[in-house]
Protein backbone atom coordinates (compact mmCIF):
# COMPACT_ATOMS: atom_id res chain seq x y z
CA UNK A 1 0.00 0.00 0.00
CA UNK A 2 2.85 2.39 0.81
CA UNK A 3 4.49 1.72 -2.56
CA UNK A 4 1.18 2.35 -4.35
CA UNK A 5 0.62 5.63 -2.52
CA UNK A 6 4.13 6.76 -3.41
CA UNK A 7 3.62 5.73 -7.03
CA UNK A 8 0.42 7.80 -7.10
CA UNK A 9 2.28 10.83 -5.71
CA UNK A 10 5.00 10.49 -8.35
CA UNK A 11 2.41 10.40 -11.16
CA UNK A 12 0.45 13.29 -9.66
CA UNK A 13 3.54 15.52 -9.45
CA UNK A 14 3.95 15.08 -13.20
CA UNK A 15 0.36 15.31 -14.44
CA UNK A 16 -1.82 17.04 -11.85
CA UNK A 17 -2.82 20.69 -12.16
CA UNK A 18 -1.85 21.02 -8.48
CA UNK A 19 1.72 19.94 -9.21
CA UNK A 20 4.35 22.49 -8.25
CA UNK A 21 8.09 23.01 -8.45
CA UNK A 22 9.64 24.15 -5.18
CA UNK A 23 13.11 24.98 -3.85
CA UNK A 24 14.13 24.85 -0.21
CA UNK A 25 15.61 28.07 1.21
CA UNK A 26 18.98 27.21 2.72
CA UNK A 27 19.51 30.34 4.85
CA UNK A 28 16.39 31.36 6.81
CA UNK A 29 17.96 34.75 7.61
CA UNK A 30 18.50 35.59 3.92
CA UNK A 31 15.63 34.44 1.69
CA UNK A 32 17.61 35.27 -1.45
CA UNK A 33 19.88 32.25 -0.82
CA UNK A 34 18.00 29.42 -2.53
CA UNK A 35 20.57 26.70 -3.10
CA UNK A 36 18.22 23.76 -2.93
CA UNK A 37 17.42 21.61 -5.90
CA UNK A 38 14.21 22.12 -7.82
CA UNK A 39 11.76 19.51 -6.48
CA UNK A 40 8.38 18.34 -7.73
CA UNK A 41 5.57 18.43 -5.18
CA UNK A 42 1.81 18.77 -4.83
CA UNK A 43 0.33 21.88 -3.25
CA UNK A 44 -3.37 21.46 -2.47
CA UNK A 45 -5.71 24.16 -1.17
CA UNK A 46 -6.61 23.96 2.51
CA UNK A 47 -7.79 27.19 4.16
CA UNK A 48 -7.86 30.67 2.66
CA UNK A 49 -8.65 33.25 5.31
CA UNK A 50 -8.55 37.01 5.19
CA UNK A 51 -5.35 37.11 7.27
CA UNK A 52 -3.44 34.11 5.91
CA UNK A 53 -3.32 31.39 3.27
CA UNK A 54 -2.80 27.73 4.30
CA UNK A 55 -2.20 24.87 1.89
CA UNK A 56 -1.14 21.20 2.06
CA UNK A 57 2.30 20.18 0.73
CA UNK A 58 2.98 16.61 -0.40
CA UNK A 59 6.57 15.75 -1.37
CA UNK A 60 8.92 12.77 -1.20
CA UNK A 61 10.96 12.19 1.96
CA UNK A 62 14.18 12.12 -0.10
CA UNK A 63 14.11 15.92 -0.44
CA UNK A 64 14.51 16.38 3.32
CA UNK A 65 11.67 18.81 3.97
CA UNK A 66 10.61 19.13 7.61
CA UNK A 67 8.65 21.40 9.93
CA UNK A 68 10.17 24.88 10.13
CA UNK A 69 11.64 24.83 6.61
CA UNK A 70 10.97 27.70 4.22
CA UNK A 71 10.68 27.07 0.49
CA UNK A 72 10.06 29.04 -2.65
CA UNK A 73 7.16 28.10 -4.94
CA UNK A 74 8.52 28.55 -8.46
CA UNK A 75 5.27 29.36 -10.30
CA UNK A 76 3.98 32.03 -7.91
CA UNK A 77 7.41 33.33 -6.82
CA UNK A 78 6.25 33.24 -3.19
CA UNK A 79 7.71 31.88 0.04
CA UNK A 80 6.03 29.30 2.28
CA UNK A 81 6.70 27.97 5.79
CA UNK A 82 6.02 24.35 6.76
CA UNK A 83 4.06 24.64 10.01
CA UNK A 84 2.76 21.14 10.76
CA UNK A 85 3.57 17.60 9.58
CA UNK A 86 0.89 14.95 9.09
CA UNK A 87 2.48 12.03 10.97
CA UNK A 88 -0.18 9.57 9.77
CA UNK A 89 1.26 9.67 6.24
CA UNK A 90 4.28 7.36 5.95
CA UNK A 91 4.61 7.04 2.17
CA UNK A 92 5.76 10.64 1.68
CA UNK A 93 6.03 13.93 3.58
CA UNK A 94 2.71 15.73 3.93
CA UNK A 95 2.36 18.90 5.92
CA UNK A 96 0.50 22.14 6.34
CA UNK A 97 2.15 25.23 4.90
CA UNK A 98 1.47 28.94 5.30
CA UNK A 99 2.44 31.78 3.01
CA UNK A 100 5.25 33.89 4.49
CA UNK A 101 4.52 37.41 3.24
CA UNK A 102 1.87 38.44 5.77
C-alpha atoms as a PDB file:
ATOM      1  CA  UNK A   1       0.000   0.000   0.000  1.00  0.00           C
ATOM      2  CA  UNK A   2       2.848   2.393   0.808  1.00  0.00           C
ATOM      3  CA  UNK A   3       4.488   1.723  -2.559  1.00  0.00           C
ATOM      4  CA  UNK A   4       1.183   2.347  -4.347  1.00  0.00           C
ATOM      5  CA  UNK A   5       0.621   5.627  -2.516  1.00  0.00           C
ATOM      6  CA  UNK A   6       4.134   6.761  -3.406  1.00  0.00           C
ATOM      7  CA  UNK A   7       3.622   5.735  -7.031  1.00  0.00           C
ATOM      8  CA  UNK A   8       0.421   7.803  -7.098  1.00  0.00           C
ATOM      9  CA  UNK A   9       2.281  10.829  -5.707  1.00  0.00           C
ATOM     10  CA  UNK A  10       4.999  10.492  -8.346  1.00  0.00           C
ATOM     11  CA  UNK A  11       2.413  10.400 -11.159  1.00  0.00           C
ATOM     12  CA  UNK A  12       0.454  13.289  -9.662  1.00  0.00           C
ATOM     13  CA  UNK A  13       3.545  15.516  -9.446  1.00  0.00           C
ATOM     14  CA  UNK A  14       3.954  15.081 -13.197  1.00  0.00           C
ATOM     15  CA  UNK A  15       0.362  15.307 -14.445  1.00  0.00           C
ATOM     16  CA  UNK A  16      -1.822  17.044 -11.849  1.00  0.00           C
ATOM     17  CA  UNK A  17      -2.816  20.693 -12.163  1.00  0.00           C
ATOM     18  CA  UNK A  18      -1.850  21.024  -8.480  1.00  0.00           C
ATOM     19  CA  UNK A  19       1.719  19.939  -9.215  1.00  0.00           C
ATOM     20  CA  UNK A  20       4.353  22.485  -8.249  1.00  0.00           C
ATOM     21  CA  UNK A  21       8.087  23.007  -8.453  1.00  0.00           C
ATOM     22  CA  UNK A  22       9.641  24.147  -5.176  1.00  0.00           C
ATOM     23  CA  UNK A  23      13.109  24.980  -3.849  1.00  0.00           C
ATOM     24  CA  UNK A  24      14.125  24.847  -0.205  1.00  0.00           C
ATOM     25  CA  UNK A  25      15.608  28.069   1.214  1.00  0.00           C
ATOM     26  CA  UNK A  26      18.982  27.208   2.724  1.00  0.00           C
ATOM     27  CA  UNK A  27      19.511  30.344   4.847  1.00  0.00           C
ATOM     28  CA  UNK A  28      16.391  31.360   6.808  1.00  0.00           C
ATOM     29  CA  UNK A  29      17.960  34.755   7.614  1.00  0.00           C
ATOM     30  CA  UNK A  30      18.496  35.595   3.918  1.00  0.00           C
ATOM     31  CA  UNK A  31      15.630  34.435   1.694  1.00  0.00           C
ATOM     32  CA  UNK A  32      17.606  35.274  -1.447  1.00  0.00           C
ATOM     33  CA  UNK A  33      19.879  32.245  -0.817  1.00  0.00           C
ATOM     34  CA  UNK A  34      17.995  29.423  -2.525  1.00  0.00           C
ATOM     35  CA  UNK A  35      20.574  26.702  -3.101  1.00  0.00           C
ATOM     36  CA  UNK A  36      18.218  23.758  -2.927  1.00  0.00           C
ATOM     37  CA  UNK A  37      17.421  21.607  -5.901  1.00  0.00           C
ATOM     38  CA  UNK A  38      14.206  22.115  -7.823  1.00  0.00           C
ATOM     39  CA  UNK A  39      11.764  19.514  -6.475  1.00  0.00           C
ATOM     40  CA  UNK A  40       8.382  18.339  -7.726  1.00  0.00           C
ATOM     41  CA  UNK A  41       5.566  18.428  -5.181  1.00  0.00           C
ATOM     42  CA  UNK A  42       1.811  18.774  -4.826  1.00  0.00           C
ATOM     43  CA  UNK A  43       0.325  21.882  -3.251  1.00  0.00           C
ATOM     44  CA  UNK A  44      -3.366  21.457  -2.473  1.00  0.00           C
ATOM     45  CA  UNK A  45      -5.708  24.157  -1.169  1.00  0.00           C
ATOM     46  CA  UNK A  46      -6.608  23.963   2.508  1.00  0.00           C
ATOM     47  CA  UNK A  47      -7.788  27.190   4.160  1.00  0.00           C
ATOM     48  CA  UNK A  48      -7.860  30.666   2.657  1.00  0.00           C
ATOM     49  CA  UNK A  49      -8.654  33.253   5.309  1.00  0.00           C
ATOM     50  CA  UNK A  50      -8.549  37.015   5.193  1.00  0.00           C
ATOM     51  CA  UNK A  51      -5.347  37.111   7.271  1.00  0.00           C
ATOM     52  CA  UNK A  52      -3.438  34.110   5.907  1.00  0.00           C
ATOM     53  CA  UNK A  53      -3.317  31.386   3.271  1.00  0.00           C
ATOM     54  CA  UNK A  54      -2.801  27.732   4.301  1.00  0.00           C
ATOM     55  CA  UNK A  55      -2.198  24.870   1.890  1.00  0.00           C
ATOM     56  CA  UNK A  56      -1.137  21.201   2.057  1.00  0.00           C
ATOM     57  CA  UNK A  57       2.301  20.182   0.733  1.00  0.00           C
ATOM     58  CA  UNK A  58       2.984  16.606  -0.398  1.00  0.00           C
ATOM     59  CA  UNK A  59       6.566  15.754  -1.367  1.00  0.00           C
ATOM     60  CA  UNK A  60       8.921  12.774  -1.201  1.00  0.00           C
ATOM     61  CA  UNK A  61      10.957  12.194   1.957  1.00  0.00           C
ATOM     62  CA  UNK A  62      14.178  12.115  -0.097  1.00  0.00           C
ATOM     63  CA  UNK A  63      14.114  15.922  -0.441  1.00  0.00           C
ATOM     64  CA  UNK A  64      14.511  16.381   3.324  1.00  0.00           C
ATOM     65  CA  UNK A  65      11.670  18.814   3.971  1.00  0.00           C
ATOM     66  CA  UNK A  66      10.609  19.127   7.614  1.00  0.00           C
ATOM     67  CA  UNK A  67       8.646  21.396   9.931  1.00  0.00           C
ATOM     68  CA  UNK A  68      10.171  24.883  10.135  1.00  0.00           C
ATOM     69  CA  UNK A  69      11.638  24.833   6.610  1.00  0.00           C
ATOM     70  CA  UNK A  70      10.970  27.695   4.225  1.00  0.00           C
ATOM     71  CA  UNK A  71      10.679  27.072   0.493  1.00  0.00           C
ATOM     72  CA  UNK A  72      10.056  29.044  -2.653  1.00  0.00           C
ATOM     73  CA  UNK A  73       7.160  28.101  -4.940  1.00  0.00           C
ATOM     74  CA  UNK A  74       8.516  28.548  -8.459  1.00  0.00           C
ATOM     75  CA  UNK A  75       5.269  29.365 -10.300  1.00  0.00           C
ATOM     76  CA  UNK A  76       3.984  32.033  -7.907  1.00  0.00           C
ATOM     77  CA  UNK A  77       7.409  33.333  -6.823  1.00  0.00           C
ATOM     78  CA  UNK A  78       6.251  33.238  -3.186  1.00  0.00           C
ATOM     79  CA  UNK A  79       7.713  31.878   0.042  1.00  0.00           C
ATOM     80  CA  UNK A  80       6.034  29.304   2.277  1.00  0.00           C
ATOM     81  CA  UNK A  81       6.700  27.968   5.794  1.00  0.00           C
ATOM     82  CA  UNK A  82       6.017  24.352   6.765  1.00  0.00           C
ATOM     83  CA  UNK A  83       4.063  24.635  10.009  1.00  0.00           C
ATOM     84  CA  UNK A  84       2.762  21.137  10.755  1.00  0.00           C
ATOM     85  CA  UNK A  85       3.566  17.597   9.578  1.00  0.00           C
ATOM     86  CA  UNK A  86       0.893  14.946   9.093  1.00  0.00           C
ATOM     87  CA  UNK A  87       2.476  12.028  10.975  1.00  0.00           C
ATOM     88  CA  UNK A  88      -0.175   9.569   9.772  1.00  0.00           C
ATOM     89  CA  UNK A  89       1.256   9.670   6.237  1.00  0.00           C
ATOM     90  CA  UNK A  90       4.282   7.360   5.950  1.00  0.00           C
ATOM     91  CA  UNK A  91       4.612   7.035   2.168  1.00  0.00           C
ATOM     92  CA  UNK A  92       5.763  10.644   1.679  1.00  0.00           C
ATOM     93  CA  UNK A  93       6.028  13.935   3.580  1.00  0.00           C
ATOM     94  CA  UNK A  94       2.708  15.735   3.929  1.00  0.00           C
ATOM     95  CA  UNK A  95       2.359  18.902   5.925  1.00  0.00           C
ATOM     96  CA  UNK A  96       0.500  22.137   6.344  1.00  0.00           C
ATOM     97  CA  UNK A  97       2.153  25.226   4.897  1.00  0.00           C
ATOM     98  CA  UNK A  98       1.474  28.939   5.305  1.00  0.00           C
ATOM     99  CA  UNK A  99       2.440  31.783   3.007  1.00  0.00           C
ATOM    100  CA  UNK A 100       5.251  33.891   4.487  1.00  0.00           C
ATOM    101  CA  UNK A 101       4.523  37.412   3.242  1.00  0.00           C
ATOM    102  CA  UNK A 102       1.870  38.444   5.769  1.00  0.00           C
END
